[in-house]
Amino acid sequence: MIRARHKINKELTAKIVQILKRHGIKKAGIFGSYAREDYNKRSDVDILIEFNGSLLTLVGIELELKKSLKRNVDLLTYRGINHLLKKRILKEEIQIL
């Protein structure tokens, strides 16, 4: 189930979307504590992206997101989701791109 984007922090979402678009990402979502709205100041931001590039590029995007958001980021690809967690992650995902 994909929930509406307005449920999450708009400033945070805008920064994420800007960076992802700059890297040509066309599909992305947030899951975890930010999607559930139970985050705190130490929570990381869990982001899913559709990505077919290199691991080096993926790491670069993750580092850019961390720097911009000033918090830890867990950047996963849809193909790389652990099959044991996939159902839960996709259920709470909020699509941002």
N, C-alpha and C. Protein backbone atom coordinates (compact mmCIF):
# COMPACT_ATOMS: atom_id res chain seq x y z
N MET A 1 0.84 -1.18 0.00
CA MET A 1 0.00 0.00 0.00
C MET A 1 0.89 1.24 0.00
N ILE A 2 0.68 2.13 -0.93
CA ILE A 2 1.45 3.35 -1.01
C ILE A 2 0.62 4.49 -0.43
N ARG A 3 1.17 5.13 0.60
CA ARG A 3 0.45 6.22 1.25
C ARG A 3 0.85 7.57 0.65
N ALA A 4 0.09 8.57 0.95
CA ALA A 4 0.33 9.90 0.40
C ALA A 4 1.59 10.53 0.98
N ARG A 5 2.25 11.29 0.13
CA ARG A 5 3.49 11.95 0.47
C ARG A 5 3.32 13.02 1.54
N HIS A 6 2.14 13.61 1.68
CA HIS A 6 1.93 14.71 2.61
C HIS A 6 2.02 14.27 4.07
N LYS A 7 2.08 12.99 4.33
CA LYS A 7 2.14 12.49 5.70
C LYS A 7 3.52 12.62 6.32
N ILE A 8 4.55 12.87 5.50
CA ILE A 8 5.90 12.94 6.05
C ILE A 8 6.46 14.35 5.93
N ASN A 9 7.54 14.60 6.62
CA ASN A 9 8.20 15.89 6.66
C ASN A 9 8.47 16.41 5.25
N LYS A 10 7.83 17.50 4.88
CA LYS A 10 7.93 18.02 3.51
C LYS A 10 9.32 18.57 3.20
N GLU A 11 9.96 19.20 4.16
CA GLU A 11 11.30 19.75 3.93
C GLU A 11 12.30 18.61 3.68
N LEU A 12 12.22 17.58 4.48
CA LEU A 12 13.09 16.42 4.32
C LEU A 12 12.84 15.76 2.96
N THR A 13 11.58 15.58 2.63
CA THR A 13 11.22 14.96 1.35
C THR A 13 11.73 15.78 0.17
N ALA A 14 11.60 17.09 0.25
CA ALA A 14 12.05 17.96 -0.84
C ALA A 14 13.55 17.81 -1.08
N LYS A 15 14.32 17.76 0.00
CA LYS A 15 15.78 17.59 -0.13
C LYS A 15 16.11 16.25 -0.77
N ILE A 16 15.44 15.20 -0.32
CA ILE A 16 15.69 13.85 -0.85
C ILE A 16 15.36 13.81 -2.33
N VAL A 17 14.18 14.30 -2.69
CA VAL A 17 13.73 14.27 -4.08
C VAL A 17 14.69 15.05 -4.98
N GLN A 18 15.13 16.20 -4.53
CA GLN A 18 16.06 17.02 -5.32
C GLN A 18 17.34 16.24 -5.63
N ILE A 19 17.91 15.60 -4.63
CA ILE A 19 19.15 14.84 -4.82
C ILE A 19 18.91 13.64 -5.73
N LEU A 20 17.84 12.90 -5.48
CA LEU A 20 17.57 11.71 -6.28
C LEU A 20 17.31 12.06 -7.74
N LYS A 21 16.56 13.12 -7.98
CA LYS A 21 16.31 13.54 -9.37
C LYS A 21 17.60 13.93 -10.07
N ARG A 22 18.49 14.60 -9.35
CA ARG A 22 19.77 15.01 -9.93
C ARG A 22 20.58 13.80 -10.39
N HIS A 23 20.34 12.66 -9.73
CA HIS A 23 21.05 11.42 -10.08
C HIS A 23 20.23 10.54 -11.02
N GLY A 24 19.13 11.06 -11.54
CA GLY A 24 18.34 10.32 -12.51
C GLY A 24 17.43 9.26 -11.94
N ILE A 25 17.21 9.28 -10.62
CA ILE A 25 16.32 8.31 -9.98
C ILE A 25 14.88 8.69 -10.31
N LYS A 26 14.11 7.72 -10.77
CA LYS A 26 12.73 7.98 -11.19
C LYS A 26 11.68 7.37 -10.25
N LYS A 27 12.11 6.47 -9.37
CA LYS A 27 11.17 5.85 -8.43
C LYS A 27 11.86 5.75 -7.08
N ALA A 28 11.17 6.23 -6.03
CA ALA A 28 11.75 6.20 -4.69
C ALA A 28 10.65 6.25 -3.64
N GLY A 29 10.96 5.71 -2.48
CA GLY A 29 10.04 5.74 -1.36
C GLY A 29 10.78 5.78 -0.04
N ILE A 30 10.07 6.21 0.99
CA ILE A 30 10.61 6.23 2.34
C ILE A 30 9.86 5.18 3.14
N PHE A 31 10.60 4.47 3.99
CA PHE A 31 9.97 3.49 4.88
C PHE A 31 10.61 3.64 6.26
N GLY A 32 10.22 2.82 7.19
CA GLY A 32 10.82 2.89 8.52
C GLY A 32 10.18 3.97 9.38
N SER A 33 10.95 4.48 10.34
CA SER A 33 10.40 5.40 11.34
C SER A 33 9.83 6.69 10.74
N TYR A 34 10.42 7.19 9.66
CA TYR A 34 9.87 8.40 9.04
C TYR A 34 8.53 8.12 8.38
N ALA A 35 8.37 6.98 7.78
CA ALA A 35 7.10 6.62 7.16
C ALA A 35 6.03 6.35 8.22
N ARG A 36 6.46 5.79 9.35
CA ARG A 36 5.51 5.49 10.43
C ARG A 36 5.25 6.70 11.33
N GLU A 37 6.04 7.76 11.12
CA GLU A 37 5.95 8.98 11.93
C GLU A 37 6.27 8.73 13.39
N ASP A 38 7.19 7.80 13.66
CA ASP A 38 7.62 7.58 15.05
C ASP A 38 9.14 7.80 15.18
N TYR A 39 9.67 8.72 14.39
CA TYR A 39 11.09 9.01 14.39
C TYR A 39 11.45 9.98 15.52
N ASN A 40 12.74 10.01 15.85
CA ASN A 40 13.27 11.00 16.78
C ASN A 40 14.52 11.62 16.18
N LYS A 41 15.20 12.48 16.92
CA LYS A 41 16.34 13.19 16.34
C LYS A 41 17.52 12.29 16.01
N ARG A 42 17.55 11.07 16.53
CA ARG A 42 18.63 10.13 16.21
C ARG A 42 18.23 9.08 15.17
N SER A 43 17.02 9.13 14.69
CA SER A 43 16.55 8.15 13.70
C SER A 43 17.25 8.35 12.36
N ASP A 44 17.52 7.24 11.69
CA ASP A 44 18.04 7.35 10.33
C ASP A 44 16.85 7.44 9.37
N VAL A 45 17.15 7.80 8.13
CA VAL A 45 16.12 7.90 7.10
C VAL A 45 16.30 6.70 6.18
N ASP A 46 15.27 5.88 6.08
CA ASP A 46 15.30 4.68 5.24
C ASP A 46 14.67 5.01 3.90
N ILE A 47 15.46 4.85 2.83
CA ILE A 47 15.01 5.22 1.49
C ILE A 47 15.18 4.04 0.54
N LEU A 48 14.16 3.80 -0.26
CA LEU A 48 14.19 2.78 -1.32
C LEU A 48 14.26 3.49 -2.66
N ILE A 49 15.11 2.99 -3.55
CA ILE A 49 15.17 3.58 -4.89
C ILE A 49 15.23 2.48 -5.94
N GLU A 50 14.74 2.82 -7.11
CA GLU A 50 14.92 1.94 -8.27
C GLU A 50 16.21 2.40 -8.93
N PHE A 51 17.20 1.51 -8.98
CA PHE A 51 18.54 1.90 -9.38
C PHE A 51 19.24 0.73 -10.04
N ASN A 52 19.88 1.01 -11.17
CA ASN A 52 20.60 -0.04 -11.89
C ASN A 52 22.07 0.32 -12.09
N GLY A 53 22.54 1.36 -11.42
CA GLY A 53 23.92 1.80 -11.59
C GLY A 53 24.89 1.00 -10.75
N SER A 54 26.09 1.54 -10.63
CA SER A 54 27.16 0.86 -9.90
C SER A 54 27.02 1.05 -8.39
N LEU A 55 27.65 0.16 -7.66
CA LEU A 55 27.66 0.25 -6.20
C LEU A 55 28.35 1.54 -5.76
N LEU A 56 29.39 1.92 -6.45
CA LEU A 56 30.11 3.15 -6.13
C LEU A 56 29.19 4.37 -6.26
N THR A 57 28.39 4.41 -7.30
CA THR A 57 27.44 5.51 -7.48
C THR A 57 26.39 5.49 -6.38
N LEU A 58 25.90 4.32 -6.02
CA LEU A 58 24.91 4.19 -4.95
C LEU A 58 25.46 4.73 -3.64
N VAL A 59 26.69 4.37 -3.32
CA VAL A 59 27.33 4.86 -2.09
C VAL A 59 27.49 6.38 -2.15
N GLY A 60 27.84 6.90 -3.31
CA GLY A 60 27.96 8.35 -3.47
C GLY A 60 26.65 9.07 -3.22
N ILE A 61 25.56 8.51 -3.71
CA ILE A 61 24.23 9.10 -3.49
C ILE A 61 23.90 9.07 -2.00
N GLU A 62 24.18 7.94 -1.36
CA GLU A 62 23.91 7.81 0.07
C GLU A 62 24.70 8.85 0.87
N LEU A 63 25.96 9.05 0.54
CA LEU A 63 26.79 10.03 1.24
C LEU A 63 26.27 11.45 1.02
N GLU A 64 25.85 11.75 -0.19
CA GLU A 64 25.28 13.06 -0.49
C GLU A 64 24.00 13.30 0.32
N LEU A 65 23.16 12.28 0.42
CA LEU A 65 21.93 12.40 1.21
C LEU A 65 22.26 12.62 2.69
N LYS A 66 23.22 11.87 3.22
CA LYS A 66 23.62 12.03 4.63
C LYS A 66 24.08 13.45 4.91
N LYS A 67 24.90 13.98 4.02
CA LYS A 67 25.44 15.33 4.20
C LYS A 67 24.32 16.37 4.14
N SER A 68 23.43 16.25 3.19
CA SER A 68 22.35 17.21 3.02
C SER A 68 21.33 17.15 4.16
N LEU A 69 20.99 15.94 4.59
CA LEU A 69 19.96 15.76 5.62
C LEU A 69 20.51 15.89 7.04
N LYS A 70 21.84 15.82 7.16
CA LYS A 70 22.52 15.88 8.47
C LYS A 70 22.04 14.78 9.41
N ARG A 71 21.87 13.61 8.82
CA ARG A 71 21.51 12.42 9.61
C ARG A 71 21.88 11.18 8.82
N ASN A 72 21.92 10.05 9.50
CA ASN A 72 22.24 8.80 8.82
C ASN A 72 21.13 8.42 7.85
N VAL A 73 21.54 7.81 6.75
CA VAL A 73 20.61 7.38 5.71
C VAL A 73 20.90 5.92 5.39
N ASP A 74 19.85 5.14 5.28
CA ASP A 74 19.96 3.75 4.82
C ASP A 74 19.31 3.71 3.44
N LEU A 75 20.14 3.62 2.40
CA LEU A 75 19.66 3.67 1.02
C LEU A 75 19.66 2.26 0.44
N LEU A 76 18.46 1.77 0.11
CA LEU A 76 18.30 0.43 -0.44
C LEU A 76 17.70 0.50 -1.83
N THR A 77 17.97 -0.54 -2.61
CA THR A 77 17.32 -0.65 -3.91
C THR A 77 16.15 -1.62 -3.79
N TYR A 78 15.15 -1.44 -4.63
CA TYR A 78 14.00 -2.35 -4.61
C TYR A 78 14.47 -3.79 -4.85
N ARG A 79 15.44 -3.96 -5.73
CA ARG A 79 15.95 -5.32 -6.01
C ARG A 79 16.73 -5.89 -4.83
N GLY A 80 17.27 -5.02 -4.00
CA GLY A 80 18.13 -5.48 -2.92
C GLY A 80 17.44 -5.67 -1.58
N ILE A 81 16.12 -5.52 -1.53
CA ILE A 81 15.41 -5.69 -0.27
C ILE A 81 15.50 -7.15 0.17
N ASN A 82 15.84 -7.35 1.43
CA ASN A 82 15.88 -8.69 2.01
C ASN A 82 14.48 -9.31 1.87
N HIS A 83 14.42 -10.50 1.30
CA HIS A 83 13.11 -11.13 1.04
C HIS A 83 12.31 -11.38 2.31
N LEU A 84 12.98 -11.51 3.46
CA LEU A 84 12.27 -11.72 4.72
C LEU A 84 11.60 -10.43 5.22
N LEU A 85 12.11 -9.29 4.79
CA LEU A 85 11.58 -8.00 5.23
C LEU A 85 10.76 -7.29 4.16
N LYS A 86 10.77 -7.81 2.96
CA LYS A 86 10.18 -7.12 1.81
C LYS A 86 8.71 -6.74 2.02
N LYS A 87 7.90 -7.66 2.49
CA LYS A 87 6.47 -7.41 2.65
C LYS A 87 6.23 -6.25 3.63
N ARG A 88 6.93 -6.26 4.75
CA ARG A 88 6.77 -5.20 5.76
C ARG A 88 7.23 -3.85 5.21
N ILE A 89 8.40 -3.85 4.56
CA ILE A 89 8.95 -2.61 4.01
C ILE A 89 8.02 -2.00 2.97
N LEU A 90 7.55 -2.81 2.04
CA LEU A 90 6.68 -2.29 0.99
C LEU A 90 5.32 -1.85 1.52
N LYS A 91 4.86 -2.47 2.61
CA LYS A 91 3.58 -2.09 3.21
C LYS A 91 3.65 -0.69 3.82
N GLU A 92 4.79 -0.36 4.44
CA GLU A 92 4.89 0.95 5.09
C GLU A 92 5.52 2.02 4.20
N GLU A 93 5.92 1.65 3.00
CA GLU A 93 6.56 2.60 2.10
C GLU A 93 5.64 3.76 1.73
N ILE A 94 6.21 4.96 1.73
CA ILE A 94 5.53 6.15 1.22
C ILE A 94 6.30 6.58 -0.01
N GLN A 95 5.65 6.53 -1.15
CA GLN A 95 6.31 6.87 -2.41
C GLN A 95 6.54 8.37 -2.48
N ILE A 96 7.78 8.77 -2.81
CA ILE A 96 8.11 10.19 -2.94
C ILE A 96 8.48 10.56 -4.37
N LEU A 97 8.76 9.56 -5.18
CA LEU A 97 9.06 9.77 -6.61
C LEU A 97 8.41 8.66 -7.40
